[in-house]
PDB file of N, CA and C in Angstrom:
ATOM      1  N   MET A   1      -9.820  18.999  35.347  1.00  0.00           N
ATOM      2  CA  MET A   1     -10.250  19.657  34.694  1.00  0.00           C
ATOM      3  C   MET A   1      -9.316  19.859  33.821  1.00  0.00           C
ATOM      4  N   LYS A   2      -8.425  21.069  34.703  1.00  0.00           N
ATOM      5  CA  LYS A   2      -7.742  21.623  33.802  1.00  0.00           C
ATOM      6  C   LYS A   2      -6.150  20.752  33.075  1.00  0.00           C
ATOM      7  N   LYS A   3      -5.841  19.458  33.775  1.00  0.00           N
ATOM      8  CA  LYS A   3      -5.089  18.518  33.379  1.00  0.00           C
ATOM      9  C   LYS A   3      -5.881  18.405  32.178  1.00  0.00           C
ATOM     10  N   VAL A   4      -7.305  18.074  31.962  1.00  0.00           N
ATOM     11  CA  VAL A   4      -7.536  17.428  30.939  1.00  0.00           C
ATOM     12  C   VAL A   4      -7.453  18.308  29.880  1.00  0.00           C
ATOM     13  N   PHE A   5      -7.667  19.440  29.893  1.00  0.00           N
ATOM     14  CA  PHE A   5      -7.383  20.269  29.072  1.00  0.00           C
ATOM     15  C   PHE A   5      -6.298  20.743  28.387  1.00  0.00           C
ATOM     16  N   ILE A   6      -5.382  20.919  29.275  1.00  0.00           N
ATOM     17  CA  ILE A   6      -3.898  20.800  28.913  1.00  0.00           C
ATOM     18  C   ILE A   6      -3.394  19.603  28.110  1.00  0.00           C
ATOM     19  N   ALA A   7      -4.095  18.441  28.352  1.00  0.00           N
ATOM     20  CA  ALA A   7      -3.685  17.360  27.633  1.00  0.00           C
ATOM     21  C   ALA A   7      -4.405  17.456  26.037  1.00  0.00           C
ATOM     22  N   PHE A   8      -5.560  17.601  26.261  1.00  0.00           N
ATOM     23  CA  PHE A   8      -6.346  18.102  24.784  1.00  0.00           C
ATOM     24  C   PHE A   8      -5.281  18.961  23.872  1.00  0.00           C
ATOM     25  N   ILE A   9      -5.060  20.075  24.371  1.00  0.00           N
ATOM     26  CA  ILE A   9      -4.431  21.285  23.877  1.00  0.00           C
ATOM     27  C   ILE A   9      -3.188  20.656  23.050  1.00  0.00           C
ATOM     28  N   THR A  10      -2.301  19.900  23.992  1.00  0.00           N
ATOM     29  CA  THR A  10      -1.162  19.259  23.443  1.00  0.00           C
ATOM     30  C   THR A  10      -1.086  18.041  22.830  1.00  0.00           C
ATOM     31  N   PHE A  11      -2.515  17.326  22.565  1.00  0.00           N
ATOM     32  CA  PHE A  11      -2.534  16.532  21.572  1.00  0.00           C
ATOM     33  C   PHE A  11      -3.051  16.814  20.310  1.00  0.00           C
ATOM     34  N   LEU A  12      -3.796  18.241  20.457  1.00  0.00           N
ATOM     35  CA  LEU A  12      -4.224  18.922  19.134  1.00  0.00           C
ATOM     36  C   LEU A  12      -2.849  19.652  18.483  1.00  0.00           C
ATOM     37  N   LEU A  13      -1.869  20.293  19.370  1.00  0.00           N
ATOM     38  CA  LEU A  13      -0.856  20.919  19.000  1.00  0.00           C
ATOM     39  C   LEU A  13       0.329  19.692  18.192  1.00  0.00           C
ATOM     40  N   ILE A  14       0.503  18.775  18.989  1.00  0.00           N
ATOM     41  CA  ILE A  14       1.233  17.521  17.893  1.00  0.00           C
ATOM     42  C   ILE A  14       0.346  17.171  16.851  1.00  0.00           C
ATOM     43  N   LEU A  15      -1.055  16.641  16.641  1.00  0.00           N
ATOM     44  CA  LEU A  15      -1.574  16.272  15.407  1.00  0.00           C
ATOM     45  C   LEU A  15      -1.188  17.406  14.708  1.00  0.00           C
ATOM     46  N   ILE A  16      -1.551  18.632  14.536  1.00  0.00           N
ATOM     47  CA  ILE A  16      -1.691  19.812  13.649  1.00  0.00           C
ATOM     48  C   ILE A  16      -0.268  19.825  13.135  1.00  0.00           C
ATOM     49  N   ASN A  17       0.811  19.513  13.695  1.00  0.00           N
ATOM     50  CA  ASN A  17       2.598  19.728  13.378  1.00  0.00           C
ATOM     51  C   ASN A  17       2.556  18.728  12.664  1.00  0.00           C
ATOM     52  N   THR A  18       2.292  17.441  13.245  1.00  0.00           N
ATOM     53  CA  THR A  18       2.367  16.379  12.378  1.00  0.00           C
ATOM     54  C   THR A  18       1.748  16.392  11.238  1.00  0.00           C
ATOM     55  N   MET A  19       0.711  17.107  10.986  1.00  0.00           N
ATOM     56  CA  MET A  19       0.088  16.959   9.827  1.00  0.00           C
ATOM     57  C   MET A  19       0.572  17.989   8.914  1.00  0.00           C
ATOM     58  N   ALA A  20       1.143  18.973   9.290  1.00  0.00           N
ATOM     59  CA  ALA A  20       2.043  20.278   8.412  1.00  0.00           C
ATOM     60  C   ALA A  20       2.979  19.557   8.040  1.00  0.00           C
ATOM     61  N   PHE A  21       3.857  18.292   8.373  1.00  0.00           N
ATOM     62  CA  PHE A  21       5.382  17.888   8.132  1.00  0.00           C
ATOM     63  C   PHE A  21       4.903  16.680   7.202  1.00  0.00           C
ATOM     64  N   ALA A  22       3.543  15.920   7.185  1.00  0.00           N
ATOM     65  CA  ALA A  22       3.446  15.073   6.654  1.00  0.00           C
ATOM     66  C   ALA A  22       2.870  14.977   5.146  1.00  0.00           C
ATOM     67  N   GLU A  23       3.045  14.470   4.432  1.00  0.00           N
ATOM     68  CA  GLU A  23       1.864  14.667   3.109  1.00  0.00           C
ATOM     69  C   GLU A  23       0.970  13.583   3.451  1.00  0.00           C
ATOM     70  N   SER A  24      -0.711  14.070   3.496  1.00  0.00           N
ATOM     71  CA  SER A  24      -1.426  13.829   4.255  1.00  0.00           C
ATOM     72  C   SER A  24      -2.099  13.045   2.755  1.00  0.00           C
ATOM     73  N   SER A  25      -3.049  11.989   3.232  1.00  0.00           N
ATOM     74  CA  SER A  25      -3.960  11.095   2.284  1.00  0.00           C
ATOM     75  C   SER A  25      -5.041  12.251   2.321  1.00  0.00           C
ATOM     76  N   GLU A  26      -5.940  11.465   1.533  1.00  0.00           N
ATOM     77  CA  GLU A  26      -7.286  11.820   1.354  1.00  0.00           C
ATOM     78  C   GLU A  26      -8.082  11.158   2.665  1.00  0.00           C
ATOM     79  N   THR A  27      -7.767   9.931   3.102  1.00  0.00           N
ATOM     80  CA  THR A  27      -8.032   9.262   4.119  1.00  0.00           C
ATOM     81  C   THR A  27      -7.913  10.108   5.601  1.00  0.00           C
ATOM     82  N   GLU A  28      -6.532  10.332   5.728  1.00  0.00           N
ATOM     83  CA  GLU A  28      -6.276  11.001   6.830  1.00  0.00           C
ATOM     84  C   GLU A  28      -6.998  12.336   7.208  1.00  0.00           C
ATOM     85  N   ASP A  29      -7.364  13.519   5.615  1.00  0.00           N
ATOM     86  CA  ASP A  29      -7.938  14.589   5.432  1.00  0.00           C
ATOM     87  C   ASP A  29      -9.019  14.384   5.885  1.00  0.00           C
ATOM     88  N   ILE A  30     -10.245  13.225   5.464  1.00  0.00           N
ATOM     89  CA  ILE A  30     -11.561  13.210   6.463  1.00  0.00           C
ATOM     90  C   ILE A  30     -11.611  12.695   7.559  1.00  0.00           C
ATOM     91  N   ILE A  31     -10.347  11.939   8.056  1.00  0.00           N
ATOM     92  CA  ILE A  31     -10.267  11.471   9.696  1.00  0.00           C
ATOM     93  C   ILE A  31     -10.324  12.795  10.653  1.00  0.00           C
ATOM     94  N   GLY A  32      -9.063  13.370   9.990  1.00  0.00           N
ATOM     95  CA  GLY A  32      -8.770  14.932  10.466  1.00  0.00           C
ATOM     96  C   GLY A  32      -9.929  15.822  10.881  1.00  0.00           C
ATOM     97  N   ASP A  33     -10.474  15.735   9.721  1.00  0.00           N
ATOM     98  CA  ASP A  33     -11.684  16.632   9.323  1.00  0.00           C
ATOM     99  C   ASP A  33     -12.669  16.275  10.366  1.00  0.00           C
ATOM    100  N   ALA A  34     -13.299  15.144  10.029  1.00  0.00           N
ATOM    101  CA  ALA A  34     -14.486  14.525  11.204  1.00  0.00           C
ATOM    102  C   ALA A  34     -14.003  14.546  12.527  1.00  0.00           C
ATOM    103  N   LEU A  35     -12.704  14.275  13.220  1.00  0.00           N
ATOM    104  CA  LEU A  35     -12.614  14.393  14.089  1.00  0.00           C
ATOM    105  C   LEU A  35     -12.215  15.761  15.565  1.00  0.00           C
ATOM    106  N   VAL A  36     -11.776  16.313  14.232  1.00  0.00           N
ATOM    107  CA  VAL A  36     -10.744  17.581  14.976  1.00  0.00           C
ATOM    108  C   VAL A  36     -11.939  18.801  14.386  1.00  0.00           C
ATOM    109  N   ILE A  37     -11.709  19.033  13.207  1.00  0.00           N
ATOM    110  CA  ILE A  37     -12.065  20.257  12.308  1.00  0.00           C
ATOM    111  C   ILE A  37     -13.733  20.587  12.732  1.00  0.00           C
ATOM    112  N   ARG A  38     -14.515  19.596  12.250  1.00  0.00           N
ATOM    113  CA  ARG A  38     -16.112  19.663  12.616  1.00  0.00           C
ATOM    114  C   ARG A  38     -16.123  20.014  13.895  1.00  0.00           C
ATOM    115  N   PRO A  39     -15.869  19.226  14.795  1.00  0.00           N
ATOM    116  CA  PRO A  39     -16.558  19.591  16.517  1.00  0.00           C
ATOM    117  C   PRO A  39     -15.816  21.107  16.555  1.00  0.00           C
ATOM    118  N   ALA A  40     -14.511  21.614  16.073  1.00  0.00           N
ATOM    119  CA  ALA A  40     -14.398  22.869  16.187  1.00  0.00           C
ATOM    120  C   ALA A  40     -15.274  24.043  15.239  1.00  0.00           C
ATOM    121  N   GLY A  41     -15.868  23.499  14.527  1.00  0.00           N
ATOM    122  CA  GLY A  41     -16.800  24.344  13.669  1.00  0.00           C
ATOM    123  C   GLY A  41     -17.939  24.224  14.390  1.00  0.00           C
ATOM    124  N   LEU A  42     -18.199  23.618  15.248  1.00  0.00           N
ATOM    125  CA  LEU A  42     -19.365  23.563  16.144  1.00  0.00           C
ATOM    126  C   LEU A  42     -19.172  24.961  17.473  1.00  0.00           C
ATOM    127  N   VAL A  43     -18.208  24.794  17.631  1.00  0.00           N
ATOM    128  CA  VAL A  43     -17.771  25.524  18.506  1.00  0.00           C
ATOM    129  C   VAL A  43     -17.809  26.927  17.911  1.00  0.00           C
ATOM    130  N   ALA A  44     -17.035  27.253  16.714  1.00  0.00           N
ATOM    131  CA  ALA A  44     -17.396  28.927  15.866  1.00  0.00           C
ATOM    132  C   ALA A  44     -18.542  28.797  16.129  1.00  0.00           C
ATOM    133  N   ILE A  45     -19.378  27.932  15.769  1.00  0.00           N
ATOM    134  CA  ILE A  45     -20.665  28.363  15.411  1.00  0.00           C
ATOM    135  C   ILE A  45     -21.533  28.956  16.631  1.00  0.00           C
ATOM    136  N   VAL A  46     -21.008  28.141  17.666  1.00  0.00           N
ATOM    137  CA  VAL A  46     -21.537  28.780  18.997  1.00  0.00           C
ATOM    138  C   VAL A  46     -21.200  30.148  19.487  1.00  0.00           C
ATOM    139  N   THR A  47     -19.828  30.271  19.060  1.00  0.00           N
ATOM    140  CA  THR A  47     -19.319  31.299  19.602  1.00  0.00           C
ATOM    141  C   THR A  47     -19.188  32.757  18.976  1.00  0.00           C
ATOM    142  N   GLY A  48     -19.706  32.061  17.276  1.00  0.00           N
ATOM    143  CA  GLY A  48     -20.157  33.148  16.880  1.00  0.00           C
ATOM    144  C   GLY A  48     -21.487  33.964  16.848  1.00  0.00           C
ATOM    145  N   THR A  49     -22.650  32.725  17.432  1.00  0.00           N
ATOM    146  CA  THR A  49     -23.786  33.083  17.749  1.00  0.00           C
ATOM    147  C   THR A  49     -23.809  34.362  18.877  1.00  0.00           C
ATOM    148  N   ALA A  50     -23.211  33.750  20.199  1.00  0.00           N
ATOM    149  CA  ALA A  50     -22.797  34.549  20.960  1.00  0.00           C
ATOM    150  C   ALA A  50     -22.645  36.016  20.838  1.00  0.00           C
ATOM    151  N   ILE A  51     -21.331  36.080  20.123  1.00  0.00           N
ATOM    152  CA  ILE A  51     -20.929  37.451  19.786  1.00  0.00           C
ATOM    153  C   ILE A  51     -21.748  38.235  18.917  1.00  0.00           C
ATOM    154  N   PHE A  52     -22.616  37.236  17.896  1.00  0.00           N
ATOM    155  CA  PHE A  52     -23.593  38.118  16.937  1.00  0.00           C
ATOM    156  C   PHE A  52     -24.552  38.574  18.191  1.00  0.00           C
ATOM    157  N   VAL A  53     -24.947  37.925  18.990  1.00  0.00           N
ATOM    158  CA  VAL A  53     -26.059  38.859  20.004  1.00  0.00           C
ATOM    159  C   VAL A  53     -26.034  39.721  20.636  1.00  0.00           C
ATOM    160  N   VAL A  54     -24.523  39.854  21.417  1.00  0.00           N
ATOM    161  CA  VAL A  54     -23.954  40.959  21.793  1.00  0.00           C
ATOM    162  C   VAL A  54     -23.742  42.325  21.033  1.00  0.00           C
ATOM    163  N   SER A  55     -23.445  41.978  19.673  1.00  0.00           N
ATOM    164  CA  SER A  55     -22.909  43.050  18.900  1.00  0.00           C
ATOM    165  C   SER A  55     -24.103  43.498  17.925  1.00  0.00           C
ATOM    166  N   LEU A  56     -25.120  42.615  18.178  1.00  0.00           N
ATOM    167  CA  LEU A  56     -26.660  43.242  17.590  1.00  0.00           C
ATOM    168  C   LEU A  56     -26.838  44.514  17.274  1.00  0.00           C
ATOM    169  N   PRO A  57     -27.022  45.030  18.832  1.00  0.00           N
ATOM    170  CA  PRO A  57     -27.627  46.492  18.731  1.00  0.00           C
ATOM    171  C   PRO A  57     -26.424  47.639  17.845  1.00  0.00           C
ATOM    172  N   PHE A  58     -25.332  47.229  17.979  1.00  0.00           N
ATOM    173  CA  PHE A  58     -24.025  48.223  17.276  1.00  0.00           C
ATOM    174  C   PHE A  58     -24.209  47.678  15.792  1.00  0.00           C
ATOM    175  N   ALA A  59     -24.270  46.254  15.014  1.00  0.00           N
ATOM    176  CA  ALA A  59     -24.440  46.592  14.047  1.00  0.00           C
ATOM    177  C   ALA A  59     -25.833  46.723  13.601  1.00  0.00           C
ATOM    178  N   ALA A  60     -26.601  46.998  14.026  1.00  0.00           N
ATOM    179  CA  ALA A  60     -28.244  47.712  13.627  1.00  0.00           C
ATOM    180  C   ALA A  60     -27.839  49.029  13.447  1.00  0.00           C
ATOM    181  N   ILE A  61     -26.986  49.718  14.288  1.00  0.00           N
ATOM    182  CA  ILE A  61     -26.947  51.248  14.364  1.00  0.00           C
ATOM    183  C   ILE A  61     -26.014  51.610  13.010  1.00  0.00           C
ATOM    184  N   THR A  62     -25.546  50.711  12.990  1.00  0.00           N
ATOM    185  CA  THR A  62     -24.796  51.016  11.911  1.00  0.00           C
ATOM    186  C   THR A  62     -24.921  50.187  10.234  1.00  0.00           C
ATOM    187  N   ARG A  63     -26.315  49.786  10.401  1.00  0.00           N
ATOM    188  CA  ARG A  63     -27.200  49.007   9.275  1.00  0.00           C
ATOM    189  C   ARG A  63     -25.692  47.931   8.717  1.00  0.00           C
ATOM    190  N   ASN A  64     -25.267  47.138   9.506  1.00  0.00           N
ATOM    191  CA  ASN A  64     -24.510  45.937   9.238  1.00  0.00           C
ATOM    192  C   ASN A  64     -24.728  44.942   9.243  1.00  0.00           C
ATOM    193  N   VAL A  65     -26.119  44.543   9.683  1.00  0.00           N
ATOM    194  CA  VAL A  65     -26.347  43.263  10.591  1.00  0.00           C
ATOM    195  C   VAL A  65     -26.096  42.350   9.512  1.00  0.00           C
ATOM    196  N   PRO A  66     -26.498  42.520   7.981  1.00  0.00           N
ATOM    197  CA  PRO A  66     -26.251  41.159   7.117  1.00  0.00           C
ATOM    198  C   PRO A  66     -24.781  40.655   6.944  1.00  0.00           C
ATOM    199  N   LYS A  67     -23.763  41.567   6.860  1.00  0.00           N
ATOM    200  CA  LYS A  67     -22.298  41.384   7.133  1.00  0.00           C
ATOM    201  C   LYS A  67     -22.109  40.559   8.361  1.00  0.00           C
ATOM    202  N   THR A  68     -22.643  41.440   9.651  1.00  0.00           N
ATOM    203  CA  THR A  68     -22.070  40.707  10.420  1.00  0.00           C
ATOM    204  C   THR A  68     -22.442  39.125  10.904  1.00  0.00           C
ATOM    205  N   SER A  69     -23.571  39.177  10.373  1.00  0.00           N
ATOM    206  CA  SER A  69     -24.039  37.819  10.789  1.00  0.00           C
ATOM    207  C   SER A  69     -23.463  36.777   9.553  1.00  0.00           C
ATOM    208  N   LYS A  70     -23.493  37.119   8.523  1.00  0.00           N
ATOM    209  CA  LYS A  70     -22.737  36.426   7.371  1.00  0.00           C
ATOM    210  C   LYS A  70     -21.282  36.241   8.029  1.00  0.00           C
ATOM    211  N   LYS A  71     -20.604  36.767   8.691  1.00  0.00           N
ATOM    212  CA  LYS A  71     -19.190  36.340   9.377  1.00  0.00           C
ATOM    213  C   LYS A  71     -19.116  35.298  10.332  1.00  0.00           C
ATOM    214  N   LEU A  72     -20.400  36.298  11.243  1.00  0.00           N
ATOM    215  CA  LEU A  72     -20.265  35.385  12.604  1.00  0.00           C
ATOM    216  C   LEU A  72     -20.732  34.083  12.637  1.00  0.00           C
ATOM    217  N   ILE A  73     -22.162  33.610  11.556  1.00  0.00           N
ATOM    218  CA  ILE A  73     -22.757  32.752  11.755  1.00  0.00           C
ATOM    219  C   ILE A  73     -22.842  31.801  10.672  1.00  0.00           C
ATOM    220  N   ALA A  74     -23.285  32.494   9.097  1.00  0.00           N
ATOM    221  CA  ALA A  74     -23.397  31.859   8.241  1.00  0.00           C
ATOM    222  C   ALA A  74     -22.044  31.273   7.892  1.00  0.00           C
ATOM    223  N   ASP A  75     -20.794  31.747   7.610  1.00  0.00           N
ATOM    224  CA  ASP A  75     -19.849  31.366   7.183  1.00  0.00           C
ATOM    225  C   ASP A  75     -19.122  30.087   7.993  1.00  0.00           C
ATOM    226  N   PRO A  76     -19.377  30.113   9.408  1.00  0.00           N
ATOM    227  CA  PRO A  76     -18.923  28.885   9.843  1.00  0.00           C
ATOM    228  C   PRO A  76     -19.952  27.748  10.213  1.00  0.00           C
ATOM    229  N   PHE A  77     -20.766  28.469   9.977  1.00  0.00           N
ATOM    230  CA  PHE A  77     -22.344  27.353   9.460  1.00  0.00           C
ATOM    231  C   PHE A  77     -21.963  26.315   8.344  1.00  0.00           C
ATOM    232  N   ASN A  78     -21.771  27.137   7.088  1.00  0.00           N
ATOM    233  CA  ASN A  78     -21.530  26.466   5.750  1.00  0.00           C
ATOM    234  C   ASN A  78     -20.078  25.759   5.911  1.00  0.00           C
ATOM    235  N   TYR A  79     -18.893  26.178   6.795  1.00  0.00           N
ATOM    236  CA  TYR A  79     -17.819  25.536   6.524  1.00  0.00           C
ATOM    237  C   TYR A  79     -17.959  24.358   7.292  1.00  0.00           C
ATOM    238  N   THR A  80     -18.982  24.208   8.357  1.00  0.00           N
ATOM    239  CA  THR A  80     -18.998  23.081   9.074  1.00  0.00           C
ATOM    240  C   THR A  80     -19.806  22.142   8.556  1.00  0.00           C
ATOM    241  N   PHE A  81     -21.122  22.516   7.730  1.00  0.00           N
ATOM    242  CA  PHE A  81     -21.964  21.602   7.640  1.00  0.00           C
ATOM    243  C   PHE A  81     -22.400  21.264   6.010  1.00  0.00           C
ATOM    244  N   LYS A  82     -21.760  22.454   5.135  1.00  0.00           N
ATOM    245  CA  LYS A  82     -21.770  22.085   3.855  1.00  0.00           C
ATOM    246  C   LYS A  82     -20.579  21.887   2.996  1.00  0.00           C
ATOM    247  N   ARG A  83     -19.725  21.911   3.475  1.00  0.00           N
ATOM    248  CA  ARG A  83     -18.104  21.528   2.920  1.00  0.00           C
ATOM    249  C   ARG A  83     -18.120  20.385   3.186  1.00  0.00           C
ATOM    250  N   PRO A  84     -17.821  19.390   2.031  1.00  0.00           N
ATOM    251  CA  PRO A  84     -17.449  18.385   1.517  1.00  0.00           C
ATOM    252  C   PRO A  84     -16.295  17.911   2.937  1.00  0.00           C
ATOM    253  N   LEU A  85     -16.487  16.475   3.187  1.00  0.00           N
ATOM    254  CA  LEU A  85     -15.389  15.978   4.279  1.00  0.00           C
ATOM    255  C   LEU A  85     -14.238  16.060   3.837  1.00  0.00           C
ATOM    256  N   GLY A  86     -13.627  16.486   4.303  1.00  0.00           N
ATOM    257  CA  GLY A  86     -11.701  16.463   4.186  1.00  0.00           C
ATOM    258  C   GLY A  86     -11.765  17.651   2.871  1.00  0.00           C
ATOM    259  N   ASP A  87     -12.643  18.301   2.486  1.00  0.00           N
ATOM    260  CA  ASP A  87     -12.163  19.221   1.524  1.00  0.00           C
ATOM    261  C   ASP A  87     -12.008  20.970   2.237  1.00  0.00           C
ATOM    262  N   PHE A  88     -10.412  21.019   2.427  1.00  0.00           N
ATOM    263  CA  PHE A  88      -9.920  22.059   3.319  1.00  0.00           C
ATOM    264  C   PHE A  88      -9.979  23.371   2.384  1.00  0.00           C
ATOM    265  N   LYS A  89      -9.751  23.624   1.547  1.00  0.00           N
ATOM    266  CA  LYS A  89      -9.947  24.295   0.454  1.00  0.00           C
ATOM    267  C   LYS A  89     -11.222  24.838  -0.236  1.00  0.00           C
ATOM    268  N   TYR A  90     -12.047  25.092   0.892  1.00  0.00           N
ATOM    269  CA  TYR A  90     -13.678  25.021   0.343  1.00  0.00           C
ATOM    270  C   TYR A  90     -13.728  26.896   0.300  1.00  0.00           C
ATOM    271  N   GLN A  91     -14.310  27.214  -0.053  1.00  0.00           N
ATOM    272  CA  GLN A  91     -14.232  28.745  -0.284  1.00  0.00           C
ATOM    273  C   GLN A  91     -15.790  29.180  -0.004  1.00  0.00           C
ATOM    274  N   THR A  92     -16.090  29.959   0.663  1.00  0.00           N
ATOM    275  CA  THR A  92     -17.605  30.573   1.301  1.00  0.00           C
ATOM    276  C   THR A  92     -17.895  31.391  -0.183  1.00  0.00           C
ATOM    277  N   ALA A  93     -19.148  31.765   0.043  1.00  0.00           N
ATOM    278  CA  ALA A  93     -19.608  32.984  -1.327  1.00  0.00           C
ATOM    279  C   ALA A  93     -19.125  33.862  -0.704  1.00  0.00           C
ATOM    280  N   THR A  94     -18.420  34.507  -1.330  1.00  0.00           N
ATOM    281  CA  THR A  94     -18.195  36.326  -1.364  1.00  0.00           C
ATOM    282  C   THR A  94     -18.635  37.261  -1.625  1.00  0.00           C
ATOM    283  N   THR A  95     -19.999  37.286  -0.843  1.00  0.00           N
ATOM    284  CA  THR A  95     -20.851  38.434  -1.097  1.00  0.00           C
ATOM    285  C   THR A  95     -20.957  39.625  -0.208  1.00  0.00           C
ATOM    286  N   ASP A  96     -19.911  40.299   0.247  1.00  0.00           N
ATOM    287  CA  ASP A  96     -19.763  41.125   1.184  1.00  0.00           C
ATOM    288  C   ASP A  96     -20.727  42.951   0.296  1.00  0.00           C
ATOM    289  N   GLN A  97     -21.337  42.988   1.442  1.00  0.00           N
ATOM    290  CA  GLN A  97     -21.827  44.292   0.927  1.00  0.00           C
ATOM    291  C   GLN A  97     -21.226  45.391   1.139  1.00  0.00           C
TER     292      GLN A  97
END
């Protein structure tokens, strides 16, 4: 399992470096988004939700639950599911309180 993880990370690093030096086309952006960025967004949603659950008592004490949920859950969700495929310049709404 460790070898698979190391191979996957190595593949991602090569892919990221290659994309940084090459002029990307819209097709390459869409493929990279669908194969790498969207699954990473799903991981970010799950991780953010877990962190939110742990931090919820502290956020409730400081009355900061809406901002905490936006940053940890809503923003990754919007970036993963509402952003057009291949659009990496997508901006989430900036309604910080």
